[in-house]
Amino acid sequence: MYKSAIKLFKFSEVNGINLGFSESEHGAGFGEKFRKQVISDVFDIVKKGVQYPEIFQLVSLFEENIGPDRLSDMVATIIYPDIVKFTKRIQEELGITKGKYPKCIFQEDGLVVNPYKGCEILLLSKDILHELPIAKCWDDIDRVVSENENIRREINEAVGEEWSRWYSRDKKAYLKEHIFKDPERCGRVIEGYRKSEVAQYDLNNDVEYIAATLIKTMKSEGISFAVAGAKEKDSFEAALDVLGIFKEWVEYNKGWDTIQGTESGKREKIVQRLIHFGSKNYISANDLDISFEPDAGRGPVDFKVSRGGDKTIVEIKLSTNSQYLHGYEEQVEEYGKAECIDKMVYVFINLGNSGRLKKITDTHQMNLQNQKKVPELMIIDATAKNAASTYSN
């Protein structure tokens, strides 16, 4: 039965649906290593008496390097024949044929080929796309725990405040051993999961889509992240260049209006994506690399700029985030230790919280006076501003 499970648990990426966060042409799917890892752990969980099939949907809570991408690969592989049938039906209804579109490449089965990836283009019915059920990002273990009342209660009773000081991998190991391998606790978590409501996918609320649209708008307005002569600069100077361009857009090109007008729960993530998307051409053109939310064990930092062993990490917090001071005082330092990096930048985006602005600047100045090693502090003013015509001498 164990060998049969290994054989059945085979999910490569369904490239044609073009979903996911991979920066390469093809994602990873479930390779041999992850197949054996998941089945081995689920085998142990089932031996403890847990009989809930939903544990496969929650596998990223207790397995390293498994997140939303691989979970969607799992589902897409299972329903692949239906996706193909749906795509063919829609192509037929829209009259997408080789005769009408001679410049397009068609497979023998009639599906259109994506010329950039060399695979078929597959269509999905919108009603099967949805937000992740228990967290905005399953890779973010702390957010999962904070948003799922049942998991949070189980952890608080057992470890309390110690949880915040653990490495990400230790947190997942704890969930596996003390939540999912305990039939009673696991049952309570699954019960809460079953009751959770899943929101249908809304394109106009999609962080990736909004950020990509804003980047196009910025480019049309002449805002460019391309900085000349950056090849001579190290990762720290390059990171400051990129952040400086974003700062100028926010403060002098009404970028503040865009941030203020975005749904509050998505602002921070959109800001992170804007900087990441906007800087990619600059980074690649200047022999640098940028990683979005890399995780070296202490959780994912917002992004990392690097050239070989020369690395700089950047953490971004909006003034509306209650963890703004924790991010400055502890998070960045922990990420730096995990990455063996001493080049760090902390970006504080002020949306009008004058008390928090004063607190972060006072703390920074005090740390500098005490010669304490601190990240470079960049403050971006995203408060609402009057038109220039309203000012007078």
Protein backbone atom coordinates (compact mmCIF):
# COMPACT_ATOMS: atom_id res chain seq x y z
CA MET A 1 0.00 0.00 0.00
CA TYR A 2 2.89 2.34 0.79
CA LYS A 3 4.52 1.71 -2.60
CA SER A 4 1.17 2.20 -4.32
CA ALA A 5 0.73 5.54 -2.57
CA ILE A 6 4.18 6.67 -3.75
CA LYS A 7 3.27 5.69 -7.31
CA LEU A 8 -0.09 7.50 -7.18
CA PHE A 9 1.35 10.62 -5.59
CA LYS A 10 2.96 11.87 -8.80
CA PHE A 11 2.14 15.45 -9.73
CA SER A 12 4.20 17.36 -12.28
CA GLU A 13 3.40 20.97 -13.05
CA VAL A 14 0.58 21.51 -15.56
CA ASN A 15 2.40 24.27 -17.44
CA GLY A 16 -0.47 25.13 -19.76
CA ILE A 17 -2.59 26.78 -17.07
CA ASN A 18 0.14 29.37 -16.34
CA LEU A 19 -0.60 29.69 -12.64
CA GLY A 20 1.95 30.07 -9.89
CA PHE A 21 4.87 32.10 -8.60
CA SER A 22 7.80 30.47 -10.41
CA GLU A 23 10.17 32.88 -12.16
CA SER A 24 11.36 30.18 -14.57
CA GLU A 25 9.40 28.87 -17.54
CA HIS A 26 8.48 25.69 -15.72
CA GLY A 27 7.70 25.09 -12.07
CA ALA A 28 8.94 22.25 -9.92
CA GLY A 29 5.84 20.14 -9.28
CA PHE A 30 6.33 17.19 -6.95
CA GLY A 31 9.69 15.57 -7.63
CA GLU A 32 10.83 12.22 -6.27
CA LYS A 33 12.20 13.80 -3.09
CA PHE A 34 8.97 15.60 -2.15
CA ARG A 35 6.77 12.65 -3.10
CA LYS A 36 8.62 10.38 -0.67
CA GLN A 37 8.81 13.10 1.97
CA VAL A 38 5.05 13.78 1.96
CA ILE A 39 3.93 10.15 1.77
CA SER A 40 6.34 9.15 4.54
CA ASP A 41 5.03 11.86 6.86
CA VAL A 42 1.38 11.27 5.99
CA PHE A 43 1.98 7.55 6.58
CA ASP A 44 3.18 8.37 10.11
CA ILE A 45 0.18 10.66 10.66
CA VAL A 46 -2.29 7.99 9.50
CA LYS A 47 -0.61 5.40 11.77
CA LYS A 48 -1.43 7.69 14.71
CA GLY A 49 -5.11 7.27 13.90
CA VAL A 50 -5.78 10.38 11.79
CA GLN A 51 -8.22 9.52 9.01
CA TYR A 52 -8.92 12.91 7.41
CA PRO A 53 -8.16 13.19 3.67
CA GLU A 54 -7.94 16.97 4.11
CA ILE A 55 -4.42 16.57 5.48
CA PHE A 56 -3.26 16.47 1.84
CA GLN A 57 -4.79 19.92 1.31
CA LEU A 58 -2.99 21.19 4.42
CA VAL A 59 0.34 19.52 3.68
CA SER A 60 2.17 22.86 3.33
CA LEU A 61 1.54 23.51 7.03
CA PHE A 62 3.90 20.73 8.06
CA GLU A 63 6.19 20.17 5.07
CA GLU A 64 9.20 22.29 4.10
CA ASN A 65 9.29 23.74 0.56
CA ILE A 66 5.67 22.89 -0.20
CA GLY A 67 3.31 25.80 -0.76
CA PRO A 68 0.48 26.97 -3.01
CA ASP A 69 2.30 26.19 -6.28
CA ARG A 70 2.70 22.50 -5.55
CA LEU A 71 -0.80 22.22 -4.12
CA SER A 72 -2.28 23.65 -7.33
CA ASP A 73 -0.06 21.25 -9.32
CA MET A 74 -1.62 18.40 -7.35
CA VAL A 75 -5.18 19.49 -8.11
CA ALA A 76 -4.48 20.39 -11.76
CA THR A 77 -2.89 16.98 -12.42
CA ILE A 78 -5.91 15.18 -10.98
CA ILE A 79 -8.43 17.15 -13.08
CA TYR A 80 -6.20 17.51 -16.18
CA PRO A 81 -8.51 15.52 -18.52
CA ASP A 82 -11.41 17.81 -17.57
CA ILE A 83 -9.28 20.93 -18.14
CA VAL A 84 -8.46 19.70 -21.65
CA LYS A 85 -12.14 18.97 -22.41
CA PHE A 86 -13.15 22.41 -21.14
CA THR A 87 -10.43 24.12 -23.23
CA LYS A 88 -11.47 22.31 -26.40
CA ARG A 89 -15.13 23.21 -25.85
CA ILE A 90 -14.33 26.91 -25.38
CA GLN A 91 -12.04 26.92 -28.45
CA GLU A 92 -14.86 25.38 -30.47
CA GLU A 93 -17.43 27.91 -29.20
CA LEU A 94 -15.08 30.81 -30.02
CA GLY A 95 -14.10 29.39 -33.40
CA ILE A 96 -10.40 29.08 -32.57
CA THR A 97 -9.22 26.75 -35.33
CA LYS A 98 -6.13 26.33 -37.46
CA GLY A 99 -8.04 27.54 -40.50
CA LYS A 100 -9.04 30.83 -38.88
CA TYR A 101 -5.72 31.38 -37.13
CA PRO A 102 -2.99 30.10 -39.51
CA LYS A 103 -0.23 32.00 -37.67
CA CYS A 104 -0.90 30.11 -34.44
CA ILE A 105 0.64 26.73 -33.68
CA PHE A 106 -1.80 23.92 -32.96
CA GLN A 107 -1.15 20.51 -31.46
CA GLU A 108 -2.49 17.38 -33.14
CA ASP A 109 -5.33 17.28 -30.62
CA GLY A 110 -6.38 20.82 -31.58
CA LEU A 111 -5.06 22.75 -28.58
CA VAL A 112 -3.25 26.02 -29.22
CA VAL A 113 0.46 26.11 -28.32
CA ASN A 114 1.97 28.83 -26.15
CA PRO A 115 4.87 30.09 -28.35
CA TYR A 116 6.82 31.34 -25.32
CA LYS A 117 6.71 28.14 -23.28
CA GLY A 118 6.26 25.49 -25.98
CA CYS A 119 3.29 23.86 -24.23
CA GLU A 120 -0.46 23.91 -24.79
CA ILE A 121 -2.59 26.83 -23.62
CA LEU A 122 -5.17 25.53 -21.16
CA LEU A 123 -8.24 27.46 -20.04
CA LEU A 124 -9.84 27.31 -16.61
CA SER A 125 -13.39 27.97 -15.55
CA LYS A 126 -13.35 30.98 -13.23
CA ASP A 127 -15.51 29.26 -10.62
CA ILE A 128 -12.77 26.75 -9.76
CA LEU A 129 -10.27 29.51 -8.98
CA HIS A 130 -10.38 30.78 -5.42
CA GLU A 131 -8.41 32.35 -2.62
CA LEU A 132 -6.36 29.99 -0.45
CA PRO A 133 -8.79 28.83 2.24
CA ILE A 134 -6.91 29.50 5.47
CA ALA A 135 -4.27 32.09 4.64
CA LYS A 136 -3.25 34.55 1.97
CA CYS A 137 -0.03 32.61 1.54
CA TRP A 138 0.39 29.10 2.93
CA ASP A 139 4.15 29.52 2.95
CA ASP A 140 3.71 32.19 5.63
CA ILE A 141 3.27 29.88 8.60
CA ASP A 142 2.73 32.66 11.14
CA ARG A 143 -0.13 34.15 9.14
CA VAL A 144 -1.75 30.73 8.81
CA VAL A 145 -1.59 30.26 12.55
CA SER A 146 -2.92 33.75 13.32
CA GLU A 147 -5.84 33.42 10.89
CA ASN A 148 -6.90 29.90 11.85
CA GLU A 149 -8.52 30.06 15.27
CA ASN A 150 -8.33 26.31 15.90
CA ILE A 151 -4.60 26.03 15.13
CA ARG A 152 -3.83 29.21 17.08
CA ARG A 153 -5.64 27.91 20.16
CA GLU A 154 -3.86 24.55 20.06
CA ILE A 155 -0.44 26.22 19.76
CA ASN A 156 -1.08 28.88 22.42
CA GLU A 157 -2.02 26.21 24.95
CA ALA A 158 1.18 24.30 24.30
CA VAL A 159 3.99 26.76 23.56
CA GLY A 160 2.64 30.28 24.06
CA GLU A 161 5.07 33.12 23.34
CA GLU A 162 7.96 30.76 22.55
CA TRP A 163 6.40 30.23 19.11
CA SER A 164 7.50 33.64 17.79
CA ARG A 165 11.17 32.82 18.40
CA TRP A 166 11.24 29.54 16.49
CA TYR A 167 12.60 28.97 12.99
CA SER A 168 10.03 28.35 10.25
CA ARG A 169 11.15 24.74 9.83
CA ASP A 170 10.80 24.17 13.59
CA LYS A 171 7.26 25.52 13.51
CA LYS A 172 6.30 23.14 10.74
CA ALA A 173 7.93 20.25 12.58
CA TYR A 174 5.94 21.15 15.71
CA LEU A 175 2.65 21.27 13.76
CA LYS A 176 3.40 17.87 12.29
CA GLU A 177 4.33 16.17 15.55
CA HIS A 178 1.91 17.83 17.97
CA ILE A 179 -1.11 18.80 15.86
CA PHE A 180 -1.41 16.52 12.83
CA LYS A 181 -0.15 13.37 14.59
CA ASP A 182 -2.62 13.92 17.42
CA PRO A 183 -6.03 12.61 16.21
CA GLU A 184 -8.00 14.74 18.67
CA ARG A 185 -6.18 18.00 17.93
CA CYS A 186 -6.02 17.28 14.23
CA GLY A 187 -9.75 16.63 14.22
CA ARG A 188 -10.43 20.06 15.74
CA VAL A 189 -8.19 21.75 13.17
CA ILE A 190 -9.84 19.89 10.27
CA GLU A 191 -13.27 20.79 11.63
CA GLY A 192 -12.33 24.48 11.54
CA TYR A 193 -10.87 24.08 8.07
CA ARG A 194 -14.06 22.47 6.75
CA LYS A 195 -16.12 25.39 8.05
CA SER A 196 -13.87 28.03 6.49
CA GLU A 197 -15.45 29.92 3.60
CA VAL A 198 -13.55 30.11 0.35
CA ALA A 199 -13.85 33.35 -1.60
CA GLN A 200 -14.12 33.09 -5.39
CA TYR A 201 -11.18 34.48 -7.31
CA ASP A 202 -11.55 38.17 -8.14
CA LEU A 203 -9.18 39.45 -10.82
CA ASN A 204 -9.62 43.03 -9.64
CA ASN A 205 -8.46 42.01 -6.16
CA ASP A 206 -5.47 39.95 -7.26
CA VAL A 207 -2.22 41.37 -5.86
CA GLU A 208 -0.10 40.09 -8.76
CA TYR A 209 -2.50 41.48 -11.37
CA ILE A 210 -2.85 44.86 -9.63
CA ALA A 211 0.92 45.22 -9.22
CA ALA A 212 1.57 44.30 -12.87
CA THR A 213 -1.08 46.82 -14.00
CA LEU A 214 0.46 49.55 -11.86
CA ILE A 215 3.92 48.84 -13.28
CA LYS A 216 2.53 49.36 -16.80
CA THR A 217 0.97 52.65 -15.66
CA MET A 218 4.26 53.79 -14.14
CA LYS A 219 6.12 53.00 -17.36
CA SER A 220 3.52 54.91 -19.42
CA GLU A 221 4.10 57.91 -17.15
CA GLY A 222 7.83 57.75 -17.79
CA ILE A 223 8.77 56.17 -14.43
CA SER A 224 11.64 53.76 -15.03
CA PHE A 225 13.66 51.58 -12.68
CA ALA A 226 16.53 51.52 -15.16
CA VAL A 227 19.55 53.17 -13.52
CA ALA A 228 22.65 53.73 -15.61
CA GLY A 229 26.08 52.73 -14.41
CA ALA A 230 24.99 50.40 -11.63
CA LYS A 231 27.45 47.66 -12.60
CA GLU A 232 30.07 49.25 -10.40
CA LYS A 233 27.77 49.22 -7.36
CA ASP A 234 27.41 46.52 -4.75
CA SER A 235 24.11 44.92 -3.74
CA PHE A 236 23.50 47.47 -0.97
CA GLU A 237 23.90 50.50 -3.26
CA ALA A 238 21.78 48.79 -5.91
CA ALA A 239 19.00 48.10 -3.41
CA LEU A 240 19.03 51.77 -2.34
CA ASP A 241 18.87 52.83 -6.01
CA VAL A 242 15.78 50.72 -6.64
CA LEU A 243 14.09 51.83 -3.42
CA GLY A 244 14.97 55.46 -4.17
CA ILE A 245 13.15 55.32 -7.50
CA PHE A 246 10.09 53.86 -5.79
CA LYS A 247 10.29 56.54 -3.07
CA GLU A 248 10.36 59.30 -5.69
CA TRP A 249 7.34 57.83 -7.47
CA VAL A 250 5.36 57.63 -4.21
CA GLU A 251 6.23 61.11 -2.96
CA TYR A 252 6.34 63.13 -6.19
CA ASN A 253 4.30 61.24 -8.79
CA LYS A 254 1.13 60.56 -6.81
CA GLY A 255 2.18 57.03 -5.99
CA TRP A 256 0.88 57.81 -2.50
CA ASP A 257 -2.62 58.11 -4.01
CA THR A 258 -2.32 54.62 -5.51
CA ILE A 259 -1.22 53.11 -2.19
CA GLN A 260 -3.86 54.97 -0.18
CA GLY A 261 -6.55 53.87 -2.66
CA THR A 262 -5.67 50.17 -2.46
CA GLU A 263 -7.59 47.80 -0.20
CA SER A 264 -5.87 48.00 3.19
CA GLY A 265 -5.29 44.27 3.54
CA LYS A 266 -3.39 44.14 0.23
CA ARG A 267 -1.33 47.35 0.40
CA GLU A 268 1.86 45.90 1.84
CA LYS A 269 1.93 42.95 -0.51
CA ILE A 270 1.26 45.20 -3.54
CA VAL A 271 4.08 47.55 -2.51
CA GLN A 272 6.46 44.59 -2.24
CA ARG A 273 5.40 43.32 -5.65
CA LEU A 274 5.71 46.77 -7.27
CA ILE A 275 9.31 47.09 -6.13
CA HIS A 276 10.09 43.52 -7.15
CA PHE A 277 8.48 43.71 -10.61
CA GLY A 278 9.78 47.20 -11.33
CA SER A 279 13.37 46.41 -10.44
CA LYS A 280 13.76 43.15 -12.38
CA ASN A 281 15.05 44.77 -15.59
CA TYR A 282 17.48 46.95 -13.63
CA ILE A 283 18.70 43.96 -11.64
CA SER A 284 19.23 41.62 -14.59
CA ALA A 285 20.83 44.33 -16.75
CA ASN A 286 23.42 45.02 -14.08
CA ASP A 287 24.60 41.50 -13.26
CA LEU A 288 22.57 41.28 -10.03
CA ASP A 289 19.87 38.97 -8.78
CA ILE A 290 16.69 39.72 -6.84
CA SER A 291 14.75 37.11 -4.86
CA PHE A 292 11.23 37.76 -3.63
CA GLU A 293 10.49 36.38 -0.15
CA PRO A 294 13.52 34.04 0.11
CA ASP A 295 13.45 31.95 3.28
CA ALA A 296 16.72 30.88 4.88
CA GLY A 297 15.01 29.40 7.93
CA ARG A 298 13.70 32.38 9.92
CA GLY A 299 10.76 33.05 7.62
CA PRO A 300 10.69 34.96 4.33
CA VAL A 301 12.26 38.42 4.13
CA ASP A 302 10.54 40.70 1.59
CA PHE A 303 13.36 40.55 -0.92
CA LYS A 304 17.08 40.03 -1.34
CA VAL A 305 19.45 41.67 -3.82
CA SER A 306 22.64 39.74 -4.49
CA ARG A 307 25.67 39.20 -6.68
CA GLY A 308 27.39 36.01 -5.65
CA GLY A 309 28.31 36.31 -1.97
CA ASP A 310 27.44 40.02 -1.90
CA LYS A 311 23.90 40.14 -0.46
CA THR A 312 21.51 42.77 0.87
CA ILE A 313 18.11 42.06 2.41
CA VAL A 314 15.17 44.47 2.43
CA GLU A 315 12.18 44.40 4.76
CA ILE A 316 9.15 46.64 4.11
CA LYS A 317 6.48 47.65 6.60
CA LEU A 318 3.56 50.04 6.27
CA SER A 319 2.87 52.30 9.25
CA THR A 320 -0.52 50.60 9.54
CA ASN A 321 1.19 47.29 10.36
CA SER A 322 1.17 46.75 14.12
CA GLN A 323 4.42 44.79 13.77
CA TYR A 324 6.31 47.77 12.32
CA LEU A 325 8.66 48.13 15.32
CA HIS A 326 9.16 44.37 15.70
CA GLY A 327 10.12 44.27 12.03
CA TYR A 328 12.79 46.91 12.59
CA GLU A 329 14.15 45.69 15.91
CA GLU A 330 14.05 41.92 15.46
CA GLN A 331 12.86 40.61 12.09
CA VAL A 332 15.52 42.18 9.90
CA GLU A 333 18.31 41.14 12.27
CA GLU A 334 17.05 37.53 12.40
CA TYR A 335 16.79 37.39 8.60
CA GLY A 336 20.32 38.78 8.37
CA LYS A 337 21.67 36.10 10.70
CA ALA A 338 19.88 33.37 8.75
CA GLU A 339 21.34 34.62 5.46
CA CYS A 340 24.75 35.49 7.03
CA ILE A 341 24.22 39.07 5.84
CA ASP A 342 25.11 42.35 7.50
CA LYS A 343 23.75 44.60 4.72
CA MET A 344 20.16 45.34 5.65
CA VAL A 345 17.55 47.94 4.69
CA TYR A 346 14.31 48.59 6.55
CA VAL A 347 11.66 50.55 4.64
CA PHE A 348 8.96 52.31 6.67
CA ILE A 349 6.09 53.62 4.54
CA ASN A 350 4.18 56.29 6.43
CA LEU A 351 0.47 56.43 5.63
CA GLY A 352 -0.25 59.12 8.21
CA ASN A 353 0.63 57.48 11.52
CA SER A 354 2.67 60.35 13.03
CA GLY A 355 3.12 58.57 16.40
CA ARG A 356 4.60 55.48 14.79
CA LEU A 357 6.77 57.61 12.49
CA LYS A 358 8.25 59.38 15.53
CA LYS A 359 8.72 56.06 17.36
CA ILE A 360 10.62 54.43 14.52
CA THR A 361 12.85 57.47 13.86
CA ASP A 362 13.59 58.00 17.57
CA THR A 363 14.43 54.31 18.00
CA HIS A 364 16.74 54.41 14.99
CA GLN A 365 18.56 57.53 16.21
CA MET A 366 18.98 56.06 19.69
CA ASN A 367 20.42 52.85 18.26
CA LEU A 368 22.88 54.82 16.14
CA GLN A 369 23.97 56.89 19.15
CA ASN A 370 24.55 53.68 21.11
CA GLN A 371 26.57 52.35 18.16
CA LYS A 372 24.24 49.42 17.82
CA LYS A 373 24.25 47.64 14.46
CA VAL A 374 20.99 48.56 12.78
CA PRO A 375 19.56 48.32 9.27
CA GLU A 376 19.60 51.32 6.99
CA LEU A 377 16.28 53.10 7.60
CA MET A 378 14.42 54.50 4.60
CA ILE A 379 11.22 56.41 5.27
CA ILE A 380 8.76 56.88 2.41
CA ASP A 381 6.07 59.50 2.84
CA ALA A 382 2.82 58.09 1.42
CA THR A 383 0.51 60.55 3.15
CA ALA A 384 -2.12 62.39 1.11
CA LYS A 385 -0.77 65.61 -0.40
CA ASN A 386 -2.45 68.73 -1.72
CA ALA A 387 -1.98 69.83 -5.30
CA ALA A 388 1.01 72.13 -5.85
CA SER A 389 -1.36 74.96 -6.83
CA THR A 390 -2.76 75.07 -3.28
CA TYR A 391 0.58 76.12 -1.81
CA SER A 392 1.58 79.78 -1.63
CA ASN A 393 4.58 81.77 -0.51
